PDB file of N, CA and C in Angstrom:
ATOM      1  N   UNK A   1     209.227 181.400   5.259  1.00  0.00           N
ATOM      2  CA  UNK A   1     208.615 180.540   4.255  1.00  0.00           C
ATOM      3  C   UNK A   1     207.141 180.278   4.570  1.00  0.00           C
ATOM      4  N   UNK A   2     206.753 180.382   5.793  1.00  0.00           N
ATOM      5  CA  UNK A   2     205.378 180.136   6.163  1.00  0.00           C
ATOM      6  C   UNK A   2     204.463 181.126   5.484  1.00  0.00           C
ATOM      7  N   UNK A   3     204.887 182.372   5.394  1.00  0.00           N
ATOM      8  CA  UNK A   3     204.073 183.386   4.739  1.00  0.00           C
ATOM      9  C   UNK A   3     203.856 183.044   3.275  1.00  0.00           C
ATOM     10  N   UNK A   4     204.890 182.587   2.587  1.00  0.00           N
ATOM     11  CA  UNK A   4     204.768 182.213   1.186  1.00  0.00           C
ATOM     12  C   UNK A   4     203.846 181.011   1.061  1.00  0.00           C
ATOM     13  N   UNK A   5     203.953 180.064   1.941  1.00  0.00           N
ATOM     14  CA  UNK A   5     203.116 178.874   1.895  1.00  0.00           C
ATOM     15  C   UNK A   5     201.666 179.238   2.147  1.00  0.00           C
ATOM     16  N   UNK A   6     201.425 180.108   3.137  1.00  0.00           N
ATOM     17  CA  UNK A   6     200.055 180.523   3.421  1.00  0.00           C
ATOM     18  C   UNK A   6     199.489 181.303   2.242  1.00  0.00           C
ATOM     19  N   UNK A   7     200.308 182.154   1.670  1.00  0.00           N
ATOM     20  CA  UNK A   7     199.870 182.970   0.534  1.00  0.00           C
ATOM     21  C   UNK A   7     199.574 182.075  -0.667  1.00  0.00           C
ATOM     22  N   UNK A   8     200.443 181.124  -0.885  1.00  0.00           N
ATOM     23  CA  UNK A   8     200.251 180.204  -2.003  1.00  0.00           C
ATOM     24  C   UNK A   8     199.003 179.340  -1.791  1.00  0.00           C
ATOM     25  N   UNK A   9     198.794 178.898  -0.590  1.00  0.00           N
ATOM     26  CA  UNK A   9     197.624 178.085  -0.278  1.00  0.00           C
ATOM     27  C   UNK A   9     196.345 178.912  -0.459  1.00  0.00           C
ATOM     28  N   UNK A  10     196.388 180.151  -0.024  1.00  0.00           N
ATOM     29  CA  UNK A  10     195.227 181.026  -0.184  1.00  0.00           C
ATOM     30  C   UNK A  10     194.951 181.269  -1.661  1.00  0.00           C
ATOM     31  N   UNK A  11     196.003 181.446  -2.423  1.00  0.00           N
ATOM     32  CA  UNK A  11     195.835 181.663  -3.861  1.00  0.00           C
ATOM     33  C   UNK A  11     195.239 180.414  -4.519  1.00  0.00           C
ATOM     34  N   UNK A  12     195.717 179.257  -4.137  1.00  0.00           N
ATOM     35  CA  UNK A  12     195.192 178.008  -4.694  1.00  0.00           C
ATOM     36  C   UNK A  12     193.712 177.839  -4.352  1.00  0.00           C
ATOM     37  N   UNK A  13     193.347 178.171  -3.098  1.00  0.00           N
ATOM     38  CA  UNK A  13     191.944 178.088  -2.707  1.00  0.00           C
ATOM     39  C   UNK A  13     191.099 179.077  -3.518  1.00  0.00           C
ATOM     40  N   UNK A  14     191.617 180.279  -3.696  1.00  0.00           N
ATOM     41  CA  UNK A  14     190.886 181.301  -4.451  1.00  0.00           C
ATOM     42  C   UNK A  14     190.713 180.871  -5.909  1.00  0.00           C
ATOM     43  N   UNK A  15     191.754 180.314  -6.490  1.00  0.00           N
ATOM     44  CA  UNK A  15     191.662 179.841  -7.883  1.00  0.00           C
ATOM     45  C   UNK A  15     190.650 178.701  -8.001  1.00  0.00           C
ATOM     46  N   UNK A  16     190.682 177.789  -7.053  1.00  0.00           N
ATOM     47  CA  UNK A  16     189.741 176.671  -7.083  1.00  0.00           C
ATOM     48  C   UNK A  16     188.306 177.189  -6.939  1.00  0.00           C
ATOM     49  N   UNK A  17     188.113 178.142  -6.053  1.00  0.00           N
ATOM     50  CA  UNK A  17     186.784 178.722  -5.870  1.00  0.00           C
ATOM     51  C   UNK A  17     186.329 179.432  -7.144  1.00  0.00           C
ATOM     52  N   UNK A  18     187.246 180.174  -7.755  1.00  0.00           N
ATOM     53  CA  UNK A  18     186.911 180.886  -8.990  1.00  0.00           C
ATOM     54  C   UNK A  18     186.543 179.905 -10.101  1.00  0.00           C
ATOM     55  N   UNK A  19     187.326 178.858 -10.246  1.00  0.00           N
ATOM     56  CA  UNK A  19     187.048 177.861 -11.289  1.00  0.00           C
ATOM     57  C   UNK A  19     185.705 177.182 -11.045  1.00  0.00           C
ATOM     58  N   UNK A  20     185.401 176.902  -9.776  1.00  0.00           N
ATOM     59  CA  UNK A  20     184.129 176.265  -9.439  1.00  0.00           C
ATOM     60  C   UNK A  20     182.968 177.198  -9.802  1.00  0.00           C
ATOM     61  N   UNK A  21     183.084 178.472  -9.457  1.00  0.00           N
ATOM     62  CA  UNK A  21     182.023 179.432  -9.772  1.00  0.00           C
ATOM     63  C   UNK A  21     181.907 179.643 -11.275  1.00  0.00           C
ATOM     64  N   UNK A  22     183.018 179.658 -11.967  1.00  0.00           N
ATOM     65  CA  UNK A  22     183.009 179.807 -13.424  1.00  0.00           C
ATOM     66  C   UNK A  22     182.295 178.616 -14.072  1.00  0.00           C
ATOM     67  N   UNK A  23     182.575 177.420 -13.600  1.00  0.00           N
ATOM     68  CA  UNK A  23     181.924 176.210 -14.109  1.00  0.00           C
ATOM     69  C   UNK A  23     180.423 176.255 -13.839  1.00  0.00           C
ATOM     70  N   UNK A  24     180.038 176.675 -12.646  1.00  0.00           N
ATOM     71  CA  UNK A  24     178.627 176.778 -12.302  1.00  0.00           C
ATOM     72  C   UNK A  24     177.929 177.799 -13.207  1.00  0.00           C
ATOM     73  N   UNK A  25     178.599 178.904 -13.513  1.00  0.00           N
ATOM     74  CA  UNK A  25     178.005 179.919 -14.381  1.00  0.00           C
ATOM     75  C   UNK A  25     177.806 179.368 -15.790  1.00  0.00           C
ATOM     76  N   UNK A  26     178.790 178.644 -16.296  1.00  0.00           N
ATOM     77  CA  UNK A  26     178.667 178.038 -17.628  1.00  0.00           C
ATOM     78  C   UNK A  26     177.542 177.014 -17.666  1.00  0.00           C
ATOM     79  N   UNK A  27     177.494 176.165 -16.639  1.00  0.00           N
ATOM     80  CA  UNK A  27     176.439 175.148 -16.588  1.00  0.00           C
ATOM     81  C   UNK A  27     175.061 175.796 -16.451  1.00  0.00           C
ATOM     82  N   UNK A  28     174.994 176.877 -15.685  1.00  0.00           N
ATOM     83  CA  UNK A  28     173.734 177.591 -15.532  1.00  0.00           C
ATOM     84  C   UNK A  28     173.276 178.205 -16.849  1.00  0.00           C
ATOM     85  N   UNK A  29     174.211 178.779 -17.584  1.00  0.00           N
ATOM     86  CA  UNK A  29     173.867 179.371 -18.881  1.00  0.00           C
ATOM     87  C   UNK A  29     173.397 178.289 -19.849  1.00  0.00           C
ATOM     88  N   UNK A  30     174.048 177.126 -19.817  1.00  0.00           N
ATOM     89  CA  UNK A  30     173.642 176.032 -20.700  1.00  0.00           C
ATOM     90  C   UNK A  30     172.258 175.509 -20.309  1.00  0.00           C
ATOM     91  N   UNK A  31     172.022 175.386 -19.015  1.00  0.00           N
ATOM     92  CA  UNK A  31     170.713 174.911 -18.547  1.00  0.00           C
ATOM     93  C   UNK A  31     169.616 175.890 -18.962  1.00  0.00           C
ATOM     94  N   UNK A  32     169.889 177.178 -18.860  1.00  0.00           N
ATOM     95  CA  UNK A  32     168.906 178.185 -19.255  1.00  0.00           C
ATOM     96  C   UNK A  32     168.642 178.113 -20.759  1.00  0.00           C
ATOM     97  N   UNK A  33     169.692 177.958 -21.541  1.00  0.00           N
ATOM     98  CA  UNK A  33     169.528 177.849 -22.997  1.00  0.00           C
ATOM     99  C   UNK A  33     168.705 176.610 -23.349  1.00  0.00           C
ATOM    100  N   UNK A  34     168.963 175.501 -22.672  1.00  0.00           N
ATOM    101  CA  UNK A  34     168.194 174.270 -22.907  1.00  0.00           C
ATOM    102  C   UNK A  34     166.722 174.474 -22.536  1.00  0.00           C
ATOM    103  N   UNK A  35     166.493 175.123 -21.406  1.00  0.00           N
ATOM    104  CA  UNK A  35     165.135 175.389 -20.933  1.00  0.00           C
ATOM    105  C   UNK A  35     164.382 176.253 -21.946  1.00  0.00           C
ATOM    106  N   UNK A  36     165.042 177.293 -22.434  1.00  0.00           N
ATOM    107  CA  UNK A  36     164.402 178.183 -23.408  1.00  0.00           C
ATOM    108  C   UNK A  36     164.145 177.461 -24.729  1.00  0.00           C
ATOM    109  N   UNK A  37     165.064 176.589 -25.144  1.00  0.00           N
ATOM    110  CA  UNK A  37     164.874 175.835 -26.386  1.00  0.00           C
ATOM    111  C   UNK A  37     163.664 174.906 -26.270  1.00  0.00           C
ATOM    112  N   UNK A  38     163.511 174.280 -25.125  1.00  0.00           N
ATOM    113  CA  UNK A  38     162.349 173.404 -24.909  1.00  0.00           C
ATOM    114  C   UNK A  38     161.071 174.237 -24.958  1.00  0.00           C
ATOM    115  N   UNK A  39     161.098 175.407 -24.354  1.00  0.00           N
ATOM    116  CA  UNK A  39     159.932 176.285 -24.378  1.00  0.00           C
ATOM    117  C   UNK A  39     159.557 176.698 -25.786  1.00  0.00           C
ATOM    118  N   UNK A  40     160.563 177.039 -26.595  1.00  0.00           N
ATOM    119  CA  UNK A  40     160.292 177.410 -27.995  1.00  0.00           C
ATOM    120  C   UNK A  40     159.728 176.220 -28.764  1.00  0.00           C
ATOM    121  N   UNK A  41     160.241 175.021 -28.511  1.00  0.00           N
ATOM    122  CA  UNK A  41     159.737 173.831 -29.199  1.00  0.00           C
ATOM    123  C   UNK A  41     158.280 173.569 -28.818  1.00  0.00           C
ATOM    124  N   UNK A  42     157.955 173.751 -27.555  1.00  0.00           N
ATOM    125  CA  UNK A  42     156.572 173.550 -27.101  1.00  0.00           C
ATOM    126  C   UNK A  42     155.655 174.571 -27.770  1.00  0.00           C
ATOM    127  N   UNK A  43     156.088 175.836 -27.816  1.00  0.00           N
ATOM    128  CA  UNK A  43     155.273 176.869 -28.458  1.00  0.00           C
ATOM    129  C   UNK A  43     155.054 176.563 -29.941  1.00  0.00           C
ATOM    130  N   UNK A  44     156.105 176.111 -30.604  1.00  0.00           N
ATOM    131  CA  UNK A  44     155.999 175.792 -32.030  1.00  0.00           C
ATOM    132  C   UNK A  44     155.026 174.630 -32.250  1.00  0.00           C
ATOM    133  N   UNK A  45     155.151 173.596 -31.425  1.00  0.00           N
ATOM    134  CA  UNK A  45     154.271 172.434 -31.557  1.00  0.00           C
ATOM    135  C   UNK A  45     152.824 172.823 -31.260  1.00  0.00           C
ATOM    136  N   UNK A  46     152.628 173.651 -30.241  1.00  0.00           N
ATOM    137  CA  UNK A  46     151.283 174.099 -29.891  1.00  0.00           C
ATOM    138  C   UNK A  46     150.664 174.879 -31.041  1.00  0.00           C
ATOM    139  N   UNK A  47     151.432 175.763 -31.661  1.00  0.00           N
ATOM    140  CA  UNK A  47     150.924 176.554 -32.782  1.00  0.00           C
ATOM    141  C   UNK A  47     150.559 175.643 -33.959  1.00  0.00           C
ATOM    142  N   UNK A  48     151.382 174.635 -34.211  1.00  0.00           N
ATOM    143  CA  UNK A  48     151.103 173.713 -35.305  1.00  0.00           C
ATOM    144  C   UNK A  48     149.818 172.924 -35.037  1.00  0.00           C
ATOM    145  N   UNK A  49     149.684 172.435 -33.816  1.00  0.00           N
ATOM    146  CA  UNK A  49     148.488 171.668 -33.470  1.00  0.00           C
ATOM    147  C   UNK A  49     147.238 172.547 -33.499  1.00  0.00           C
ATOM    148  N   UNK A  50     147.357 173.795 -33.081  1.00  0.00           N
ATOM    149  CA  UNK A  50     146.215 174.707 -33.120  1.00  0.00           C
ATOM    150  C   UNK A  50     145.785 174.952 -34.564  1.00  0.00           C
ATOM    151  N   UNK A  51     146.770 175.145 -35.449  1.00  0.00           N
ATOM    152  CA  UNK A  51     146.456 175.365 -36.861  1.00  0.00           C
ATOM    153  C   UNK A  51     145.745 174.143 -37.446  1.00  0.00           C
ATOM    154  N   UNK A  52     146.211 172.962 -37.098  1.00  0.00           N
ATOM    155  CA  UNK A  52     145.566 171.739 -37.582  1.00  0.00           C
ATOM    156  C   UNK A  52     144.136 171.619 -37.046  1.00  0.00           C
ATOM    157  N   UNK A  53     143.962 171.930 -35.758  1.00  0.00           N
ATOM    158  CA  UNK A  53     142.627 171.848 -35.162  1.00  0.00           C
ATOM    159  C   UNK A  53     141.669 172.844 -35.809  1.00  0.00           C
ATOM    160  N   UNK A  54     142.135 174.075 -36.020  1.00  0.00           N
ATOM    161  CA  UNK A  54     141.276 175.088 -36.645  1.00  0.00           C
ATOM    162  C   UNK A  54     140.909 174.700 -38.078  1.00  0.00           C
ATOM    163  N   UNK A  55     141.872 174.136 -38.809  1.00  0.00           N
ATOM    164  CA  UNK A  55     141.596 173.702 -40.182  1.00  0.00           C
ATOM    165  C   UNK A  55     140.563 172.569 -40.182  1.00  0.00           C
ATOM    166  N   UNK A  56     140.693 171.634 -39.242  1.00  0.00           N
ATOM    167  CA  UNK A  56     139.730 170.530 -39.155  1.00  0.00           C
ATOM    168  C   UNK A  56     138.352 171.054 -38.788  1.00  0.00           C
ATOM    169  N   UNK A  57     138.289 171.969 -37.828  1.00  0.00           N
ATOM    170  CA  UNK A  57     136.995 172.527 -37.439  1.00  0.00           C
ATOM    171  C   UNK A  57     136.330 173.247 -38.607  1.00  0.00           C
ATOM    172  N   UNK A  58     137.101 173.981 -39.387  1.00  0.00           N
ATOM    173  CA  UNK A  58     136.550 174.684 -40.550  1.00  0.00           C
ATOM    174  C   UNK A  58     136.058 173.688 -41.597  1.00  0.00           C
ATOM    175  N   UNK A  59     136.820 172.638 -41.835  1.00  0.00           N
ATOM    176  CA  UNK A  59     136.400 171.617 -42.794  1.00  0.00           C
ATOM    177  C   UNK A  59     135.116 170.938 -42.315  1.00  0.00           C
ATOM    178  N   UNK A  60     135.027 170.671 -41.024  1.00  0.00           N
ATOM    179  CA  UNK A  60     133.816 170.063 -40.468  1.00  0.00           C
ATOM    180  C   UNK A  60     132.615 171.000 -40.626  1.00  0.00           C
ATOM    181  N   UNK A  61     132.818 172.300 -40.391  1.00  0.00           N
ATOM    182  CA  UNK A  61     131.740 173.270 -40.553  1.00  0.00           C
ATOM    183  C   UNK A  61     131.254 173.311 -41.999  1.00  0.00           C
ATOM    184  N   UNK A  62     132.224 173.317 -42.916  1.00  0.00           N
ATOM    185  CA  UNK A  62     131.861 173.350 -44.338  1.00  0.00           C
ATOM    186  C   UNK A  62     131.124 172.076 -44.746  1.00  0.00           C
ATOM    187  N   UNK A  63     131.560 170.945 -44.241  1.00  0.00           N
ATOM    188  CA  UNK A  63     130.897 169.679 -44.562  1.00  0.00           C
ATOM    189  C   UNK A  63     129.477 169.670 -44.000  1.00  0.00           C
ATOM    190  N   UNK A  64     129.295 170.188 -42.808  1.00  0.00           N
ATOM    191  CA  UNK A  64     127.963 170.234 -42.211  1.00  0.00           C
ATOM    192  C   UNK A  64     127.066 171.182 -42.992  1.00  0.00           C
ATOM    193  N   UNK A  65     127.611 172.313 -43.432  1.00  0.00           N
ATOM    194  CA  UNK A  65     126.823 173.273 -44.210  1.00  0.00           C
ATOM    195  C   UNK A  65     126.455 172.683 -45.563  1.00  0.00           C
ATOM    196  N   UNK A  66     127.372 171.965 -46.172  1.00  0.00           N
ATOM    197  CA  UNK A  66     127.100 171.343 -47.473  1.00  0.00           C
ATOM    198  C   UNK A  66     126.051 170.249 -47.320  1.00  0.00           C
ATOM    199  N   UNK A  67     126.090 169.541 -46.215  1.00  0.00           N
ATOM    200  CA  UNK A  67     125.124 168.469 -45.979  1.00  0.00           C
ATOM    201  C   UNK A  67     123.717 169.040 -45.777  1.00  0.00           C
ATOM    202  N   UNK A  68     123.647 170.182 -45.056  1.00  0.00           N
ATOM    203  CA  UNK A  68     122.336 170.807 -44.825  1.00  0.00           C
ATOM    204  C   UNK A  68     121.752 171.389 -46.101  1.00  0.00           C
ATOM    205  N   UNK A  69     122.601 171.997 -46.921  1.00  0.00           N
ATOM    206  CA  UNK A  69     122.098 172.651 -48.130  1.00  0.00           C
ATOM    207  C   UNK A  69     122.303 171.768 -49.368  1.00  0.00           C
ATOM    208  N   UNK A  70     122.487 170.482 -49.140  1.00  0.00           N
ATOM    209  CA  UNK A  70     122.724 169.538 -50.242  1.00  0.00           C
ATOM    210  C   UNK A  70     121.473 169.297 -51.067  1.00  0.00           C
ATOM    211  N   UNK A  71     121.512 168.351 -51.943  1.00  0.00           N
ATOM    212  CA  UNK A  71     120.375 168.069 -52.813  1.00  0.00           C
ATOM    213  C   UNK A  71     119.138 167.688 -52.010  1.00  0.00           C
ATOM    214  N   UNK A  72     118.020 168.270 -52.382  1.00  0.00           N
ATOM    215  CA  UNK A  72     116.773 167.992 -51.668  1.00  0.00           C
ATOM    216  C   UNK A  72     115.821 167.229 -52.591  1.00  0.00           C
ATOM    217  N   UNK A  73     115.065 166.408 -51.983  1.00  0.00           N
ATOM    218  CA  UNK A  73     114.086 165.648 -52.763  1.00  0.00           C
ATOM    219  C   UNK A  73     112.845 166.520 -52.946  1.00  0.00           C
ATOM    220  N   UNK A  74     112.353 166.578 -54.153  1.00  0.00           N
ATOM    221  CA  UNK A  74     111.110 167.309 -54.371  1.00  0.00           C
ATOM    222  C   UNK A  74     109.974 166.307 -54.402  1.00  0.00           C
ATOM    223  N   UNK A  75     108.913 166.634 -53.740  1.00  0.00           N
ATOM    224  CA  UNK A  75     107.912 165.647 -53.554  1.00  0.00           C
ATOM    225  C   UNK A  75     106.652 165.872 -54.133  1.00  0.00           C
TER     226      UNK A  75
END
């Protein structure tokens, strides 16, 4: 019976180890997916802010050009 007990104990340890590694793999995959999602959100926000900044800079340039070439007083 000792052989069966040792074999059963070894099997239980192996199953526990397998389940632990399986859980770690799942958690690792979830952590990676979360990390990548945050990265995509940052890229999207950066692109949006860049577009807003470029639009503002262009509007400022146009306003400055209009101010320079605006109505002139003839003297």
